[in-house]
């Protein structure tokens, strides 16, 4: 089933940061769409919950250097 989840992402300061976060999320299986908002320090991810969990997304973004939590 498709899920839509918003994440609060800390530490982003430029478009390069946005690209790193998008890359970390897009590398995960089951990701359908990623929209990162630098001004709001958050992102919305649409994904297939049979292939991916919210926790895995948080882990991937945090591992890329941006502390993250589900909103």
PDB file of N, CA and C in Angstrom:
ATOM      1  N   UNK A   1       0.838  -1.181   0.000  1.00  0.00           N
ATOM      2  CA  UNK A   1       0.000   0.000   0.000  1.00  0.00           C
ATOM      3  C   UNK A   1       0.884   1.246   0.000  1.00  0.00           C
ATOM      4  N   UNK A   2       0.469   2.256  -0.725  1.00  0.00           N
ATOM      5  CA  UNK A   2       1.221   3.505  -0.753  1.00  0.00           C
ATOM      6  C   UNK A   2       0.975   4.287   0.529  1.00  0.00           C
ATOM      7  N   UNK A   3       2.065   4.794   1.075  1.00  0.00           N
ATOM      8  CA  UNK A   3       2.003   5.611   2.281  1.00  0.00           C
ATOM      9  C   UNK A   3       2.585   6.981   1.963  1.00  0.00           C
ATOM     10  N   UNK A   4       2.144   7.986   2.717  1.00  0.00           N
ATOM     11  CA  UNK A   4       2.687   9.336   2.599  1.00  0.00           C
ATOM     12  C   UNK A   4       3.055   9.776   4.003  1.00  0.00           C
ATOM     13  N   UNK A   5       4.327  10.129   4.208  1.00  0.00           N
ATOM     14  CA  UNK A   5       4.799  10.497   5.533  1.00  0.00           C
ATOM     15  C   UNK A   5       5.638  11.763   5.445  1.00  0.00           C
ATOM     16  N   UNK A   6       5.433  12.665   6.397  1.00  0.00           N
ATOM     17  CA  UNK A   6       6.250  13.869   6.512  1.00  0.00           C
ATOM     18  C   UNK A   6       7.338  13.624   7.545  1.00  0.00           C
ATOM     19  N   UNK A   7       8.530  14.134   7.262  1.00  0.00           N
ATOM     20  CA  UNK A   7       9.674  13.991   8.158  1.00  0.00           C
ATOM     21  C   UNK A   7      10.245  15.363   8.468  1.00  0.00           C
ATOM     22  N   UNK A   8      10.606  15.593   9.742  1.00  0.00           N
ATOM     23  CA  UNK A   8      11.327  16.795  10.146  1.00  0.00           C
ATOM     24  C   UNK A   8      12.812  16.474  10.024  1.00  0.00           C
ATOM     25  N   UNK A   9      13.544  17.303   9.276  1.00  0.00           N
ATOM     26  CA  UNK A   9      14.942  17.035   8.970  1.00  0.00           C
ATOM     27  C   UNK A   9      15.785  18.206   9.464  1.00  0.00           C
ATOM     28  N   UNK A  10      16.757  17.931  10.331  1.00  0.00           N
ATOM     29  CA  UNK A  10      17.620  18.973  10.889  1.00  0.00           C
ATOM     30  C   UNK A  10      18.935  19.053  10.122  1.00  0.00           C
ATOM     31  N   UNK A  11      19.533  20.236  10.123  1.00  0.00           N
ATOM     32  CA  UNK A  11      20.885  20.395   9.601  1.00  0.00           C
ATOM     33  C   UNK A  11      21.009  20.758   8.135  1.00  0.00           C
ATOM     34  N   UNK A  12      19.899  20.883   7.418  1.00  0.00           N
ATOM     35  CA  UNK A  12      19.987  21.267   6.006  1.00  0.00           C
ATOM     36  C   UNK A  12      20.179  22.782   5.908  1.00  0.00           C
ATOM     37  N   UNK A  13      21.159  23.208   5.083  1.00  0.00           N
ATOM     38  CA  UNK A  13      21.409  24.639   4.946  1.00  0.00           C
ATOM     39  C   UNK A  13      21.479  25.113   3.499  1.00  0.00           C
ATOM     40  N   UNK A  14      21.470  24.168   2.541  1.00  0.00           N
ATOM     41  CA  UNK A  14      21.605  24.568   1.136  1.00  0.00           C
ATOM     42  C   UNK A  14      21.023  23.485   0.224  1.00  0.00           C
ATOM     43  N   UNK A  15      21.020  23.771  -1.072  1.00  0.00           N
ATOM     44  CA  UNK A  15      20.483  22.810  -2.039  1.00  0.00           C
ATOM     45  C   UNK A  15      21.319  21.529  -2.099  1.00  0.00           C
ATOM     46  N   UNK A  16      22.610  21.634  -1.792  1.00  0.00           N
ATOM     47  CA  UNK A  16      23.448  20.431  -1.743  1.00  0.00           C
ATOM     48  C   UNK A  16      22.936  19.487  -0.653  1.00  0.00           C
ATOM     49  N   UNK A  17      22.552  20.045   0.477  1.00  0.00           N
ATOM     50  CA  UNK A  17      21.990  19.235   1.566  1.00  0.00           C
ATOM     51  C   UNK A  17      20.705  18.548   1.099  1.00  0.00           C
ATOM     52  N   UNK A  18      19.866  19.301   0.412  1.00  0.00           N
ATOM     53  CA  UNK A  18      18.613  18.745  -0.104  1.00  0.00           C
ATOM     54  C   UNK A  18      18.911  17.573  -1.034  1.00  0.00           C
ATOM     55  N   UNK A  19      19.894  17.741  -1.912  1.00  0.00           N
ATOM     56  CA  UNK A  19      20.253  16.677  -2.851  1.00  0.00           C
ATOM     57  C   UNK A  19      20.759  15.435  -2.120  1.00  0.00           C
ATOM     58  N   UNK A  20      21.528  15.624  -1.052  1.00  0.00           N
ATOM     59  CA  UNK A  20      22.023  14.471  -0.277  1.00  0.00           C
ATOM     60  C   UNK A  20      20.873  13.725   0.390  1.00  0.00           C
ATOM     61  N   UNK A  21      19.935  14.477   0.953  1.00  0.00           N
ATOM     62  CA  UNK A  21      18.776  13.851   1.600  1.00  0.00           C
ATOM     63  C   UNK A  21      17.938  13.107   0.564  1.00  0.00           C
ATOM     64  N   UNK A  22      17.673  13.751  -0.560  1.00  0.00           N
ATOM     65  CA  UNK A  22      16.901  13.096  -1.623  1.00  0.00           C
ATOM     66  C   UNK A  22      17.599  11.828  -2.095  1.00  0.00           C
ATOM     67  N   UNK A  23      18.909  11.886  -2.256  1.00  0.00           N
ATOM     68  CA  UNK A  23      19.664  10.719  -2.697  1.00  0.00           C
ATOM     69  C   UNK A  23      19.589   9.576  -1.706  1.00  0.00           C
ATOM     70  N   UNK A  24      19.689   9.903  -0.419  1.00  0.00           N
ATOM     71  CA  UNK A  24      19.616   8.871   0.618  1.00  0.00           C
ATOM     72  C   UNK A  24      18.253   8.190   0.611  1.00  0.00           C
ATOM     73  N   UNK A  25      17.200   8.965   0.421  1.00  0.00           N
ATOM     74  CA  UNK A  25      15.850   8.398   0.417  1.00  0.00           C
ATOM     75  C   UNK A  25      15.583   7.630  -0.875  1.00  0.00           C
ATOM     76  N   UNK A  26      15.954   8.213  -2.006  1.00  0.00           N
ATOM     77  CA  UNK A  26      15.697   7.554  -3.293  1.00  0.00           C
ATOM     78  C   UNK A  26      16.453   6.241  -3.457  1.00  0.00           C
ATOM     79  N   UNK A  27      17.513   6.039  -2.694  1.00  0.00           N
ATOM     80  CA  UNK A  27      18.278   4.793  -2.767  1.00  0.00           C
ATOM     81  C   UNK A  27      17.547   3.630  -2.095  1.00  0.00           C
ATOM     82  N   UNK A  28      16.505   3.931  -1.346  1.00  0.00           N
ATOM     83  CA  UNK A  28      15.766   2.889  -0.627  1.00  0.00           C
ATOM     84  C   UNK A  28      14.736   2.226  -1.538  1.00  0.00           C
ATOM     85  N   UNK A  29      14.519   0.922  -1.353  1.00  0.00           N
ATOM     86  CA  UNK A  29      13.504   0.230  -2.162  1.00  0.00           C
ATOM     87  C   UNK A  29      12.098   0.670  -1.766  1.00  0.00           C
ATOM     88  N   UNK A  30      11.233   0.843  -2.743  1.00  0.00           N
ATOM     89  CA  UNK A  30       9.838   1.163  -2.460  1.00  0.00           C
ATOM     90  C   UNK A  30       9.500   2.638  -2.459  1.00  0.00           C
ATOM     91  N   UNK A  31      10.505   3.512  -2.633  1.00  0.00           N
ATOM     92  CA  UNK A  31      10.251   4.954  -2.651  1.00  0.00           C
ATOM     93  C   UNK A  31       9.599   5.327  -3.977  1.00  0.00           C
ATOM     94  N   UNK A  32       8.490   6.056  -3.902  1.00  0.00           N
ATOM     95  CA  UNK A  32       7.763   6.487  -5.095  1.00  0.00           C
ATOM     96  C   UNK A  32       8.013   7.956  -5.426  1.00  0.00           C
ATOM     97  N   UNK A  33       8.069   8.816  -4.384  1.00  0.00           N
ATOM     98  CA  UNK A  33       8.248  10.253  -4.608  1.00  0.00           C
ATOM     99  C   UNK A  33       8.843  10.891  -3.361  1.00  0.00           C
ATOM    100  N   UNK A  34       9.734  11.851  -3.575  1.00  0.00           N
ATOM    101  CA  UNK A  34      10.364  12.583  -2.475  1.00  0.00           C
ATOM    102  C   UNK A  34      10.258  14.071  -2.770  1.00  0.00           C
ATOM    103  N   UNK A  35       9.817  14.847  -1.788  1.00  0.00           N
ATOM    104  CA  UNK A  35       9.752  16.311  -1.920  1.00  0.00           C
ATOM    105  C   UNK A  35      10.337  16.901  -0.647  1.00  0.00           C
ATOM    106  N   UNK A  36      11.508  17.524  -0.770  1.00  0.00           N
ATOM    107  CA  UNK A  36      12.188  18.118   0.373  1.00  0.00           C
ATOM    108  C   UNK A  36      11.995  19.629   0.335  1.00  0.00           C
ATOM    109  N   UNK A  37      11.674  20.226   1.492  1.00  0.00           N
ATOM    110  CA  UNK A  37      11.477  21.667   1.602  1.00  0.00           C
ATOM    111  C   UNK A  37      12.562  22.237   2.512  1.00  0.00           C
ATOM    112  N   UNK A  38      13.531  22.913   1.915  1.00  0.00           N
ATOM    113  CA  UNK A  38      14.655  23.471   2.665  1.00  0.00           C
ATOM    114  C   UNK A  38      14.197  24.525   3.670  1.00  0.00           C
ATOM    115  N   UNK A  39      13.288  25.402   3.276  1.00  0.00           N
ATOM    116  CA  UNK A  39      12.828  26.477   4.165  1.00  0.00           C
ATOM    117  C   UNK A  39      12.114  25.947   5.401  1.00  0.00           C
ATOM    118  N   UNK A  40      11.347  24.880   5.230  1.00  0.00           N
ATOM    119  CA  UNK A  40      10.592  24.311   6.353  1.00  0.00           C
ATOM    120  C   UNK A  40      11.360  23.205   7.074  1.00  0.00           C
ATOM    121  N   UNK A  41      12.535  22.841   6.560  1.00  0.00           N
ATOM    122  CA  UNK A  41      13.338  21.755   7.134  1.00  0.00           C
ATOM    123  C   UNK A  41      12.528  20.476   7.291  1.00  0.00           C
ATOM    124  N   UNK A  42      11.815  20.128   6.209  1.00  0.00           N
ATOM    125  CA  UNK A  42      11.069  18.880   6.246  1.00  0.00           C
ATOM    126  C   UNK A  42      11.002  18.267   4.856  1.00  0.00           C
ATOM    127  N   UNK A  43      10.415  17.109   4.807  1.00  0.00           N
ATOM    128  CA  UNK A  43      10.238  16.432   3.533  1.00  0.00           C
ATOM    129  C   UNK A  43       9.043  15.510   3.591  1.00  0.00           C
ATOM    130  N   UNK A  44       8.453  15.267   2.429  1.00  0.00           N
ATOM    131  CA  UNK A  44       7.331  14.345   2.315  1.00  0.00           C
ATOM    132  C   UNK A  44       7.778  13.208   1.407  1.00  0.00           C
ATOM    133  N   UNK A  45       7.562  11.994   1.877  1.00  0.00           N
ATOM    134  CA  UNK A  45       7.958  10.816   1.115  1.00  0.00           C
ATOM    135  C   UNK A  45       6.729   9.952   0.877  1.00  0.00           C
ATOM    136  N   UNK A  46       6.525   9.581  -0.383  1.00  0.00           N
ATOM    137  CA  UNK A  46       5.497   8.600  -0.729  1.00  0.00           C
ATOM    138  C   UNK A  46       6.228   7.299  -1.003  1.00  0.00           C
ATOM    139  N   UNK A  47       5.765   6.217  -0.370  1.00  0.00           N
ATOM    140  CA  UNK A  47       6.467   4.949  -0.501  1.00  0.00           C
ATOM    141  C   UNK A  47       5.518   3.772  -0.335  1.00  0.00           C
ATOM    142  N   UNK A  48       5.998   2.620  -0.736  1.00  0.00           N
ATOM    143  CA  UNK A  48       5.255   1.366  -0.627  1.00  0.00           C
ATOM    144  C   UNK A  48       5.603   0.735   0.718  1.00  0.00           C
ATOM    145  N   UNK A  49       4.625   0.687   1.627  1.00  0.00           N
ATOM    146  CA  UNK A  49       4.909   0.179   2.970  1.00  0.00           C
ATOM    147  C   UNK A  49       5.086  -1.334   3.036  1.00  0.00           C
ATOM    148  N   UNK A  50       4.937  -2.020   1.920  1.00  0.00           N
ATOM    149  CA  UNK A  50       5.259  -3.449   1.908  1.00  0.00           C
ATOM    150  C   UNK A  50       6.752  -3.655   1.669  1.00  0.00           C
ATOM    151  N   UNK A  51       7.448  -2.584   1.242  1.00  0.00           N
ATOM    152  CA  UNK A  51       8.877  -2.670   0.965  1.00  0.00           C
ATOM    153  C   UNK A  51       9.731  -1.828   1.901  1.00  0.00           C
ATOM    154  N   UNK A  52       9.123  -0.872   2.589  1.00  0.00           N
ATOM    155  CA  UNK A  52       9.883   0.121   3.335  1.00  0.00           C
ATOM    156  C   UNK A  52       9.106   0.572   4.564  1.00  0.00           C
ATOM    157  N   UNK A  53       9.844   0.917   5.630  1.00  0.00           N
ATOM    158  CA  UNK A  53       9.214   1.424   6.850  1.00  0.00           C
ATOM    159  C   UNK A  53       9.668   2.863   7.109  1.00  0.00           C
ATOM    160  N   UNK A  54       8.894   3.557   7.909  1.00  0.00           N
ATOM    161  CA  UNK A  54       9.254   4.908   8.330  1.00  0.00           C
ATOM    162  C   UNK A  54      10.611   4.897   9.020  1.00  0.00           C
ATOM    163  N   UNK A  55      10.849   3.889   9.835  1.00  0.00           N
ATOM    164  CA  UNK A  55      12.106   3.789  10.575  1.00  0.00           C
ATOM    165  C   UNK A  55      13.305   3.694   9.642  1.00  0.00           C
ATOM    166  N   UNK A  56      13.170   2.960   8.548  1.00  0.00           N
ATOM    167  CA  UNK A  56      14.274   2.819   7.586  1.00  0.00           C
ATOM    168  C   UNK A  56      14.575   4.149   6.901  1.00  0.00           C
ATOM    169  N   UNK A  57      13.540   4.934   6.637  1.00  0.00           N
ATOM    170  CA  UNK A  57      13.748   6.252   6.033  1.00  0.00           C
ATOM    171  C   UNK A  57      14.482   7.156   7.019  1.00  0.00           C
ATOM    172  N   UNK A  58      14.048   7.161   8.273  1.00  0.00           N
ATOM    173  CA  UNK A  58      14.711   7.958   9.312  1.00  0.00           C
ATOM    174  C   UNK A  58      16.175   7.548   9.431  1.00  0.00           C
ATOM    175  N   UNK A  59      16.444   6.242   9.456  1.00  0.00           N
ATOM    176  CA  UNK A  59      17.819   5.744   9.567  1.00  0.00           C
ATOM    177  C   UNK A  59      18.676   6.206   8.392  1.00  0.00           C
ATOM    178  N   UNK A  60      18.143   6.133   7.176  1.00  0.00           N
ATOM    179  CA  UNK A  60      18.910   6.497   5.982  1.00  0.00           C
ATOM    180  C   UNK A  60      19.266   7.980   5.974  1.00  0.00           C
ATOM    181  N   UNK A  61      18.320   8.832   6.310  1.00  0.00           N
ATOM    182  CA  UNK A  61      18.577  10.274   6.302  1.00  0.00           C
ATOM    183  C   UNK A  61      19.515  10.651   7.448  1.00  0.00           C
ATOM    184  N   UNK A  62      19.310  10.054   8.607  1.00  0.00           N
ATOM    185  CA  UNK A  62      20.187  10.318   9.746  1.00  0.00           C
ATOM    186  C   UNK A  62      21.613   9.867   9.446  1.00  0.00           C
ATOM    187  N   UNK A  63      21.760   8.713   8.782  1.00  0.00           N
ATOM    188  CA  UNK A  63      23.084   8.202   8.417  1.00  0.00           C
ATOM    189  C   UNK A  63      23.784   9.119   7.413  1.00  0.00           C
ATOM    190  N   UNK A  64      23.006   9.863   6.628  1.00  0.00           N
ATOM    191  CA  UNK A  64      23.579  10.812   5.669  1.00  0.00           C
ATOM    192  C   UNK A  64      24.026  12.106   6.357  1.00  0.00           C
ATOM    193  N   UNK A  65      23.763  12.219   7.663  1.00  0.00           N
ATOM    194  CA  UNK A  65      24.229  13.371   8.425  1.00  0.00           C
ATOM    195  C   UNK A  65      23.173  14.387   8.800  1.00  0.00           C
ATOM    196  N   UNK A  66      21.907  14.016   8.637  1.00  0.00           N
ATOM    197  CA  UNK A  66      20.816  14.943   8.917  1.00  0.00           C
ATOM    198  C   UNK A  66      19.836  14.298   9.893  1.00  0.00           C
ATOM    199  N   UNK A  67      19.922  14.650  11.185  1.00  0.00           N
ATOM    200  CA  UNK A  67      19.005  14.063  12.165  1.00  0.00           C
ATOM    201  C   UNK A  67      17.552  14.246  11.724  1.00  0.00           C
ATOM    202  N   UNK A  68      16.806  13.159  11.791  1.00  0.00           N
ATOM    203  CA  UNK A  68      15.463  13.133  11.219  1.00  0.00           C
ATOM    204  C   UNK A  68      14.496  12.418  12.143  1.00  0.00           C
ATOM    205  N   UNK A  69      13.238  12.858  12.103  1.00  0.00           N
ATOM    206  CA  UNK A  69      12.174  12.161  12.821  1.00  0.00           C
ATOM    207  C   UNK A  69      10.890  12.274  12.020  1.00  0.00           C
ATOM    208  N   UNK A  70      10.031  11.291  12.171  1.00  0.00           N
ATOM    209  CA  UNK A  70       8.721  11.343  11.522  1.00  0.00           C
ATOM    210  C   UNK A  70       7.896  12.420  12.203  1.00  0.00           C
ATOM    211  N   UNK A  71       7.184  13.201  11.416  1.00  0.00           N
ATOM    212  CA  UNK A  71       6.367  14.291  11.970  1.00  0.00           C
ATOM    213  C   UNK A  71       5.012  13.763  12.402  1.00  0.00           C
TER     214      UNK A  71
END
